[in-house]
Amino acid sequence: DDWVIPITSAFEAAAQDSKLYLDLSKKAFSSNS
């Protein structure tokens, strides 16, 4: 949640895209691979 804050700011990402990228990153982080 903290990691995505600079990404959202730097790319001026829309809230919907920012949340989706965060959700995808959390899913990848929790993966065994």
PDB file of all heavy atoms in Angstrom:
ATOM      1  N   ASP A   1       0.838  -1.203   0.000  1.00  0.00           N
ATOM      2  CA  ASP A   1       0.000   0.000   0.000  1.00  0.00           C
ATOM      3  C   ASP A   1       0.872   1.251   0.000  1.00  0.00           C
ATOM      4  O   ASP A   1       0.515   2.263  -0.620  1.00  0.00           O
ATOM      5  CB  ASP A   1      -0.919   0.007   1.229  1.00  0.00           C
ATOM      6  CG  ASP A   1      -1.991  -1.070   1.176  1.00  0.00           C
ATOM      7  OD1 ASP A   1      -2.336  -1.511   0.058  1.00  0.00           O
ATOM      8  OD2 ASP A   1      -2.468  -1.488   2.243  1.00  0.00           O
ATOM      9  N   ASP A   2       2.005   1.202   0.710  1.00  0.00           N
ATOM     10  CA  ASP A   2       2.956   2.319   0.705  1.00  0.00           C
ATOM     11  C   ASP A   2       3.779   2.321  -0.584  1.00  0.00           C
ATOM     12  O   ASP A   2       4.052   3.377  -1.162  1.00  0.00           O
ATOM     13  CB  ASP A   2       3.904   2.223   1.901  1.00  0.00           C
ATOM     14  CG  ASP A   2       3.299   2.787   3.174  1.00  0.00           C
ATOM     15  OD1 ASP A   2       2.156   3.293   3.125  1.00  0.00           O
ATOM     16  OD2 ASP A   2       3.959   2.728   4.223  1.00  0.00           O
ATOM     17  N   TRP A   3       4.179   1.132  -1.029  1.00  0.00           N
ATOM     18  CA  TRP A   3       5.020   0.997  -2.222  1.00  0.00           C
ATOM     19  C   TRP A   3       4.356   1.601  -3.459  1.00  0.00           C
ATOM     20  O   TRP A   3       5.016   2.201  -4.311  1.00  0.00           O
ATOM     21  CB  TRP A   3       5.328  -0.487  -2.433  1.00  0.00           C
ATOM     22  CG  TRP A   3       5.916  -0.869  -3.746  1.00  0.00           C
ATOM     23  CD1 TRP A   3       7.231  -0.813  -4.119  1.00  0.00           C
ATOM     24  CD2 TRP A   3       5.210  -1.393  -4.885  1.00  0.00           C
ATOM     25  NE1 TRP A   3       7.394  -1.266  -5.403  1.00  0.00           N
ATOM     26  CE2 TRP A   3       6.164  -1.622  -5.892  1.00  0.00           C
ATOM     27  CE3 TRP A   3       3.871  -1.686  -5.139  1.00  0.00           C
ATOM     28  CZ2 TRP A   3       5.818  -2.142  -7.139  1.00  0.00           C
ATOM     29  CZ3 TRP A   3       3.529  -2.195  -6.378  1.00  0.00           C
ATOM     30  CH2 TRP A   3       4.498  -2.416  -7.362  1.00  0.00           C
ATOM     31  N   VAL A   4       3.030   1.488  -3.564  1.00  0.00           N
ATOM     32  CA  VAL A   4       2.331   1.945  -4.770  1.00  0.00           C
ATOM     33  C   VAL A   4       2.120   3.460  -4.777  1.00  0.00           C
ATOM     34  O   VAL A   4       1.836   4.040  -5.831  1.00  0.00           O
ATOM     35  CB  VAL A   4       0.976   1.216  -4.918  1.00  0.00           C
ATOM     36  CG1 VAL A   4      -0.099   1.847  -4.031  1.00  0.00           C
ATOM     37  CG2 VAL A   4       0.530   1.175  -6.376  1.00  0.00           C
ATOM     38  N   ILE A   5       2.282   4.130  -3.646  1.00  0.00           N
ATOM     39  CA  ILE A   5       2.027   5.582  -3.583  1.00  0.00           C
ATOM     40  C   ILE A   5       2.943   6.366  -4.526  1.00  0.00           C
ATOM     41  O   ILE A   5       2.454   7.204  -5.308  1.00  0.00           O
ATOM     42  CB  ILE A   5       2.139   6.085  -2.132  1.00  0.00           C
ATOM     43  CG1 ILE A   5       0.959   5.560  -1.305  1.00  0.00           C
ATOM     44  CG2 ILE A   5       2.172   7.622  -2.074  1.00  0.00           C
ATOM     45  CD1 ILE A   5       1.042   5.872   0.178  1.00  0.00           C
ATOM     46  N   PRO A   6       4.266   6.161  -4.517  1.00  0.00           N
ATOM     47  CA  PRO A   6       5.106   6.882  -5.478  1.00  0.00           C
ATOM     48  C   PRO A   6       4.790   6.519  -6.931  1.00  0.00           C
ATOM     49  O   PRO A   6       4.899   7.365  -7.827  1.00  0.00           O
ATOM     50  CB  PRO A   6       6.531   6.450  -5.093  1.00  0.00           C
ATOM     51  CG  PRO A   6       6.441   6.041  -3.663  1.00  0.00           C
ATOM     52  CD  PRO A   6       5.088   5.398  -3.545  1.00  0.00           C
ATOM     53  N   ILE A   7       4.401   5.268  -7.190  1.00  0.00           N
ATOM     54  CA  ILE A   7       4.058   4.844  -8.549  1.00  0.00           C
ATOM     55  C   ILE A   7       2.836   5.612  -9.035  1.00  0.00           C
ATOM     56  O   ILE A   7       2.807   6.131 -10.162  1.00  0.00           O
ATOM     57  CB  ILE A   7       3.792   3.331  -8.590  1.00  0.00           C
ATOM     58  CG1 ILE A   7       5.071   2.552  -8.279  1.00  0.00           C
ATOM     59  CG2 ILE A   7       3.241   2.922  -9.947  1.00  0.00           C
ATOM     60  CD1 ILE A   7       4.880   1.060  -8.187  1.00  0.00           C
ATOM     61  N   THR A   8       1.817   5.703  -8.191  1.00  0.00           N
ATOM     62  CA  THR A   8       0.602   6.435  -8.552  1.00  0.00           C
ATOM     63  C   THR A   8       0.910   7.898  -8.839  1.00  0.00           C
ATOM     64  O   THR A   8       0.403   8.481  -9.810  1.00  0.00           O
ATOM     65  CB  THR A   8      -0.434   6.338  -7.412  1.00  0.00           C
ATOM     66  OG1 THR A   8      -0.713   4.958  -7.149  1.00  0.00           O
ATOM     67  CG2 THR A   8      -1.716   7.058  -7.780  1.00  0.00           C
ATOM     68  N   SER A   9       1.763   8.492  -8.017  1.00  0.00           N
ATOM     69  CA  SER A   9       2.109   9.898  -8.179  1.00  0.00           C
ATOM     70  C   SER A   9       2.934  10.125  -9.444  1.00  0.00           C
ATOM     71  O   SER A   9       2.629  11.016 -10.246  1.00  0.00           O
ATOM     72  CB  SER A   9       2.897  10.384  -6.959  1.00  0.00           C
ATOM     73  OG  SER A   9       3.414  11.685  -7.172  1.00  0.00           O
ATOM     74  N   ALA A  10       3.968   9.321  -9.638  1.00  0.00           N
ATOM     75  CA  ALA A  10       4.896   9.532 -10.763  1.00  0.00           C
ATOM     76  C   ALA A  10       4.214   9.344 -12.112  1.00  0.00           C
ATOM     77  O   ALA A  10       4.479  10.088 -13.066  1.00  0.00           O
ATOM     78  CB  ALA A  10       6.084   8.587 -10.639  1.00  0.00           C
ATOM     79  N   PHE A  11       3.334   8.343 -12.199  1.00  0.00           N
ATOM     80  CA  PHE A  11       2.665   8.061 -13.469  1.00  0.00           C
ATOM     81  C   PHE A  11       1.301   8.748 -13.577  1.00  0.00           C
ATOM     82  O   PHE A  11       0.607   8.582 -14.580  1.00  0.00           O
ATOM     83  CB  PHE A  11       2.489   6.553 -13.646  1.00  0.00           C
ATOM     84  CG  PHE A  11       3.781   5.834 -13.904  1.00  0.00           C
ATOM     85  CD1 PHE A  11       4.325   4.997 -12.939  1.00  0.00           C
ATOM     86  CD2 PHE A  11       4.456   6.001 -15.092  1.00  0.00           C
ATOM     87  CE1 PHE A  11       5.518   4.334 -13.167  1.00  0.00           C
ATOM     88  CE2 PHE A  11       5.657   5.351 -15.335  1.00  0.00           C
ATOM     89  CZ  PHE A  11       6.186   4.509 -14.374  1.00  0.00           C
ATOM     90  N   GLU A  12       0.942   9.511 -12.542  1.00  0.00           N
ATOM     91  CA  GLU A  12      -0.344  10.191 -12.501  1.00  0.00           C
ATOM     92  C   GLU A  12      -1.467   9.217 -12.853  1.00  0.00           C
ATOM     93  O   GLU A  12      -2.349   9.503 -13.677  1.00  0.00           O
ATOM     94  CB  GLU A  12      -0.342  11.390 -13.461  1.00  0.00           C
ATOM     95  CG  GLU A  12       0.695  12.441 -13.084  1.00  0.00           C
ATOM     96  CD  GLU A  12       0.680  13.645 -14.018  1.00  0.00           C
ATOM     97  OE1 GLU A  12       0.289  13.470 -15.199  1.00  0.00           O
ATOM     98  OE2 GLU A  12       1.044  14.738 -13.568  1.00  0.00           O
ATOM     99  N   ALA A  13      -1.395   8.049 -12.233  1.00  0.00           N
ATOM    100  CA  ALA A  13      -2.340   6.976 -12.533  1.00  0.00           C
ATOM    101  C   ALA A  13      -3.723   7.278 -11.961  1.00  0.00           C
ATOM    102  O   ALA A  13      -3.852   7.868 -10.877  1.00  0.00           O
ATOM    103  CB  ALA A  13      -1.828   5.657 -11.964  1.00  0.00           C
ATOM    104  N   ALA A  14      -4.719   6.862 -12.696  1.00  0.00           N
ATOM    105  CA  ALA A  14      -6.090   6.984 -12.203  1.00  0.00           C
ATOM    106  C   ALA A  14      -6.272   6.054 -11.011  1.00  0.00           C
ATOM    107  O   ALA A  14      -5.590   5.043 -10.884  1.00  0.00           O
ATOM    108  CB  ALA A  14      -7.081   6.627 -13.310  1.00  0.00           C
ATOM    109  N   ALA A  15      -7.213   6.398 -10.136  1.00  0.00           N
ATOM    110  CA  ALA A  15      -7.424   5.613  -8.921  1.00  0.00           C
ATOM    111  C   ALA A  15      -7.742   4.153  -9.243  1.00  0.00           C
ATOM    112  O   ALA A  15      -7.257   3.239  -8.573  1.00  0.00           O
ATOM    113  CB  ALA A  15      -8.549   6.237  -8.095  1.00  0.00           C
ATOM    114  N   GLN A  16      -8.544   3.937 -10.290  1.00  0.00           N
ATOM    115  CA  GLN A  16      -8.928   2.569 -10.660  1.00  0.00           C
ATOM    116  C   GLN A  16      -7.714   1.754 -11.105  1.00  0.00           C
ATOM    117  O   GLN A  16      -7.539   0.606 -10.694  1.00  0.00           O
ATOM    118  CB  GLN A  16      -9.968   2.610 -11.787  1.00  0.00           C
ATOM    119  CG  GLN A  16     -10.431   1.230 -12.246  1.00  0.00           C
ATOM    120  CD  GLN A  16     -11.466   1.314 -13.361  1.00  0.00           C
ATOM    121  OE1 GLN A  16     -11.946   2.392 -13.704  1.00  0.00           O
ATOM    122  NE2 GLN A  16     -11.818   0.167 -13.924  1.00  0.00           N
ATOM    123  N   ASP A  17      -6.850   2.351 -11.936  1.00  0.00           N
ATOM    124  CA  ASP A  17      -5.657   1.648 -12.397  1.00  0.00           C
ATOM    125  C   ASP A  17      -4.670   1.424 -11.260  1.00  0.00           C
ATOM    126  O   ASP A  17      -4.023   0.379 -11.176  1.00  0.00           O
ATOM    127  CB  ASP A  17      -4.972   2.435 -13.513  1.00  0.00           C
ATOM    128  CG  ASP A  17      -5.634   2.210 -14.864  1.00  0.00           C
ATOM    129  OD1 ASP A  17      -6.495   1.314 -14.955  1.00  0.00           O
ATOM    130  OD2 ASP A  17      -5.299   2.922 -15.816  1.00  0.00           O
ATOM    131  N   SER A  18      -4.546   2.401 -10.384  1.00  0.00           N
ATOM    132  CA  SER A  18      -3.642   2.271  -9.246  1.00  0.00           C
ATOM    133  C   SER A  18      -4.059   1.113  -8.349  1.00  0.00           C
ATOM    134  O   SER A  18      -3.223   0.311  -7.904  1.00  0.00           O
ATOM    135  CB  SER A  18      -3.624   3.577  -8.450  1.00  0.00           C
ATOM    136  OG  SER A  18      -2.787   3.464  -7.319  1.00  0.00           O
ATOM    137  N   LYS A  19      -5.358   1.016  -8.079  1.00  0.00           N
ATOM    138  CA  LYS A  19      -5.855  -0.074  -7.236  1.00  0.00           C
ATOM    139  C   LYS A  19      -5.661  -1.422  -7.920  1.00  0.00           C
ATOM    140  O   LYS A  19      -5.260  -2.401  -7.276  1.00  0.00           O
ATOM    141  CB  LYS A  19      -7.333   0.124  -6.901  1.00  0.00           C
ATOM    142  CG  LYS A  19      -7.881  -0.952  -5.948  1.00  0.00           C
ATOM    143  CD  LYS A  19      -9.336  -0.741  -5.637  1.00  0.00           C
ATOM    144  CE  LYS A  19      -9.823  -1.754  -4.597  1.00  0.00           C
ATOM    145  NZ  LYS A  19      -9.553  -3.160  -4.983  1.00  0.00           N
ATOM    146  N   LEU A  20      -5.910  -1.479  -9.225  1.00  0.00           N
ATOM    147  CA  LEU A  20      -5.744  -2.740  -9.944  1.00  0.00           C
ATOM    148  C   LEU A  20      -4.283  -3.178  -9.939  1.00  0.00           C
ATOM    149  O   LEU A  20      -3.981  -4.353  -9.706  1.00  0.00           O
ATOM    150  CB  LEU A  20      -6.243  -2.595 -11.384  1.00  0.00           C
ATOM    151  CG  LEU A  20      -6.073  -3.826 -12.285  1.00  0.00           C
ATOM    152  CD1 LEU A  20      -6.735  -5.054 -11.667  1.00  0.00           C
ATOM    153  CD2 LEU A  20      -6.651  -3.556 -13.664  1.00  0.00           C
ATOM    154  N   TYR A  21      -3.363  -2.234 -10.165  1.00  0.00           N
ATOM    155  CA  TYR A  21      -1.935  -2.574 -10.154  1.00  0.00           C
ATOM    156  C   TYR A  21      -1.511  -3.037  -8.766  1.00  0.00           C
ATOM    157  O   TYR A  21      -0.721  -3.973  -8.624  1.00  0.00           O
ATOM    158  CB  TYR A  21      -1.103  -1.370 -10.587  1.00  0.00           C
ATOM    159  CG  TYR A  21       0.335  -1.717 -10.888  1.00  0.00           C
ATOM    160  CD1 TYR A  21       0.653  -2.551 -11.959  1.00  0.00           C
ATOM    161  CD2 TYR A  21       1.371  -1.219 -10.109  1.00  0.00           C
ATOM    162  CE1 TYR A  21       1.965  -2.877 -12.239  1.00  0.00           C
ATOM    163  CE2 TYR A  21       2.685  -1.550 -10.389  1.00  0.00           C
ATOM    164  CZ  TYR A  21       2.979  -2.370 -11.453  1.00  0.00           C
ATOM    165  OH  TYR A  21       4.285  -2.705 -11.722  1.00  0.00           O
ATOM    166  N   LEU A  22      -2.044  -2.394  -7.739  1.00  0.00           N
ATOM    167  CA  LEU A  22      -1.751  -2.800  -6.369  1.00  0.00           C
ATOM    168  C   LEU A  22      -2.274  -4.210  -6.111  1.00  0.00           C
ATOM    169  O   LEU A  22      -1.553  -5.054  -5.539  1.00  0.00           O
ATOM    170  CB  LEU A  22      -2.391  -1.815  -5.389  1.00  0.00           C
ATOM    171  CG  LEU A  22      -2.288  -2.164  -3.894  1.00  0.00           C
ATOM    172  CD1 LEU A  22      -0.832  -2.262  -3.454  1.00  0.00           C
ATOM    173  CD2 LEU A  22      -3.039  -1.133  -3.056  1.00  0.00           C
ATOM    174  N   ASP A  23      -3.488  -4.494  -6.530  1.00  0.00           N
ATOM    175  CA  ASP A  23      -4.069  -5.830  -6.327  1.00  0.00           C
ATOM    176  C   ASP A  23      -3.255  -6.900  -7.061  1.00  0.00           C
ATOM    177  O   ASP A  23      -3.006  -7.987  -6.531  1.00  0.00           O
ATOM    178  CB  ASP A  23      -5.519  -5.851  -6.792  1.00  0.00           C
ATOM    179  CG  ASP A  23      -6.440  -5.032  -5.902  1.00  0.00           C
ATOM    180  OD1 ASP A  23      -6.039  -4.722  -4.766  1.00  0.00           O
ATOM    181  OD2 ASP A  23      -7.551  -4.702  -6.364  1.00  0.00           O
ATOM    182  N   LEU A  24      -2.833  -6.592  -8.304  1.00  0.00           N
ATOM    183  CA  LEU A  24      -2.026  -7.541  -9.068  1.00  0.00           C
ATOM    184  C   LEU A  24      -0.685  -7.790  -8.377  1.00  0.00           C
ATOM    185  O   LEU A  24      -0.202  -8.925  -8.321  1.00  0.00           O
ATOM    186  CB  LEU A  24      -1.786  -7.001 -10.480  1.00  0.00           C
ATOM    187  CG  LEU A  24      -2.992  -6.929 -11.416  1.00  0.00           C
ATOM    188  CD1 LEU A  24      -2.617  -6.212 -12.707  1.00  0.00           C
ATOM    189  CD2 LEU A  24      -3.519  -8.320 -11.720  1.00  0.00           C
ATOM    190  N   SER A  25      -0.095  -6.727  -7.855  1.00  0.00           N
ATOM    191  CA  SER A  25       1.204  -6.850  -7.179  1.00  0.00           C
ATOM    192  C   SER A  25       1.083  -7.656  -5.892  1.00  0.00           C
ATOM    193  O   SER A  25       1.973  -8.438  -5.557  1.00  0.00           O
ATOM    194  CB  SER A  25       1.772  -5.458  -6.882  1.00  0.00           C
ATOM    195  OG  SER A  25       1.989  -4.738  -8.085  1.00  0.00           O
ATOM    196  N   LYS A  26      -0.020  -7.464  -5.162  1.00  0.00           N
ATOM    197  CA  LYS A  26      -0.241  -8.242  -3.945  1.00  0.00           C
ATOM    198  C   LYS A  26      -0.433  -9.716  -4.275  1.00  0.00           C
ATOM    199  O   LYS A  26       0.085 -10.600  -3.567  1.00  0.00           O
ATOM    200  CB  LYS A  26      -1.458  -7.707  -3.187  1.00  0.00           C
ATOM    201  CG  LYS A  26      -1.205  -6.389  -2.459  1.00  0.00           C
ATOM    202  CD  LYS A  26      -2.422  -5.972  -1.639  1.00  0.00           C
ATOM    203  CE  LYS A  26      -2.113  -4.721  -0.826  1.00  0.00           C
ATOM    204  NZ  LYS A  26      -3.263  -4.311   0.021  1.00  0.00           N
ATOM    205  N   LYS A  27      -1.152  -9.990  -5.349  1.00  0.00           N
ATOM    206  CA  LYS A  27      -1.367 -11.372  -5.764  1.00  0.00           C
ATOM    207  C   LYS A  27      -0.042 -12.022  -6.142  1.00  0.00           C
ATOM    208  O   LYS A  27       0.245 -13.162  -5.753  1.00  0.00           O
ATOM    209  CB  LYS A  27      -2.333 -11.422  -6.944  1.00  0.00           C
ATOM    210  CG  LYS A  27      -2.634 -12.824  -7.443  1.00  0.00           C
ATOM    211  CD  LYS A  27      -3.621 -12.795  -8.603  1.00  0.00           C
ATOM    212  CE  LYS A  27      -3.893 -14.195  -9.127  1.00  0.00           C
ATOM    213  NZ  LYS A  27      -4.842 -14.171 -10.280  1.00  0.00           N
ATOM    214  N   ALA A  28       0.784 -11.301  -6.899  1.00  0.00           N
ATOM    215  CA  ALA A  28       2.093 -11.830  -7.296  1.00  0.00           C
ATOM    216  C   ALA A  28       2.990 -12.036  -6.086  1.00  0.00           C
ATOM    217  O   ALA A  28       3.712 -13.035  -5.989  1.00  0.00           O
ATOM    218  CB  ALA A  28       2.764 -10.873  -8.292  1.00  0.00           C
ATOM    219  N   PHE A  29       2.933 -11.095  -5.140  1.00  0.00           N
ATOM    220  CA  PHE A  29       3.773 -11.170  -3.944  1.00  0.00           C
ATOM    221  C   PHE A  29       3.443 -12.415  -3.115  1.00  0.00           C
ATOM    222  O   PHE A  29       4.338 -13.036  -2.529  1.00  0.00           O
ATOM    223  CB  PHE A  29       3.581  -9.916  -3.095  1.00  0.00           C
ATOM    224  CG  PHE A  29       4.475  -9.835  -1.894  1.00  0.00           C
ATOM    225  CD1 PHE A  29       5.749  -9.298  -2.007  1.00  0.00           C
ATOM    226  CD2 PHE A  29       4.045 -10.291  -0.657  1.00  0.00           C
ATOM    227  CE1 PHE A  29       6.586  -9.226  -0.905  1.00  0.00           C
ATOM    228  CE2 PHE A  29       4.872 -10.230   0.445  1.00  0.00           C
ATOM    229  CZ  PHE A  29       6.146  -9.691   0.322  1.00  0.00           C
ATOM    230  N   SER A  30       2.179 -12.763  -3.085  1.00  0.00           N
ATOM    231  CA  SER A  30       1.736 -13.894  -2.269  1.00  0.00           C
ATOM    232  C   SER A  30       1.886 -15.239  -2.976  1.00  0.00           C
ATOM    233  O   SER A  30       1.661 -16.292  -2.372  1.00  0.00           O
ATOM    234  CB  SER A  30       0.271 -13.690  -1.863  1.00  0.00           C
ATOM    235  OG  SER A  30       0.102 -12.486  -1.148  1.00  0.00           O
ATOM    236  N   SER A  31       2.281 -15.209  -4.247  1.00  0.00           N
ATOM    237  CA  SER A  31       2.419 -16.439  -5.013  1.00  0.00           C
ATOM    238  C   SER A  31       3.673 -17.213  -4.606  1.00  0.00           C
ATOM    239  O   SER A  31       4.707 -16.625  -4.273  1.00  0.00           O
ATOM    240  CB  SER A  31       2.490 -16.117  -6.508  1.00  0.00           C
ATOM    241  OG  SER A  31       2.866 -17.254  -7.254  1.00  0.00           O
ATOM    242  N   ASN A  32       3.587 -18.530  -4.649  1.00  0.00           N
ATOM    243  CA  ASN A  32       4.750 -19.357  -4.317  1.00  0.00           C
ATOM    244  C   ASN A  32       5.877 -19.206  -5.339  1.00  0.00           C
ATOM    245  O   ASN A  32       7.034 -19.494  -5.042  1.00  0.00           O
ATOM    246  CB  ASN A  32       4.338 -20.835  -4.243  1.00  0.00           C
ATOM    247  CG  ASN A  32       3.432 -21.126  -3.060  1.00  0.00           C
ATOM    248  OD1 ASN A  32       3.511 -20.444  -2.027  1.00  0.00           O
ATOM    249  ND2 ASN A  32       2.562 -22.113  -3.190  1.00  0.00           N
ATOM    250  N   SER A  33       5.531 -18.751  -6.539  1.00  0.00           N
ATOM    251  CA  SER A  33       6.533 -18.583  -7.593  1.00  0.00           C
ATOM    252  C   SER A  33       7.064 -17.153  -7.687  1.00  0.00           C
ATOM    253  O   SER A  33       7.760 -16.803  -8.635  1.00  0.00           O
ATOM    254  CB  SER A  33       5.938 -18.989  -8.954  1.00  0.00           C
ATOM    255  OG  SER A  33       4.814 -18.179  -9.271  1.00  0.00           O
TER     256      SER A  33
END
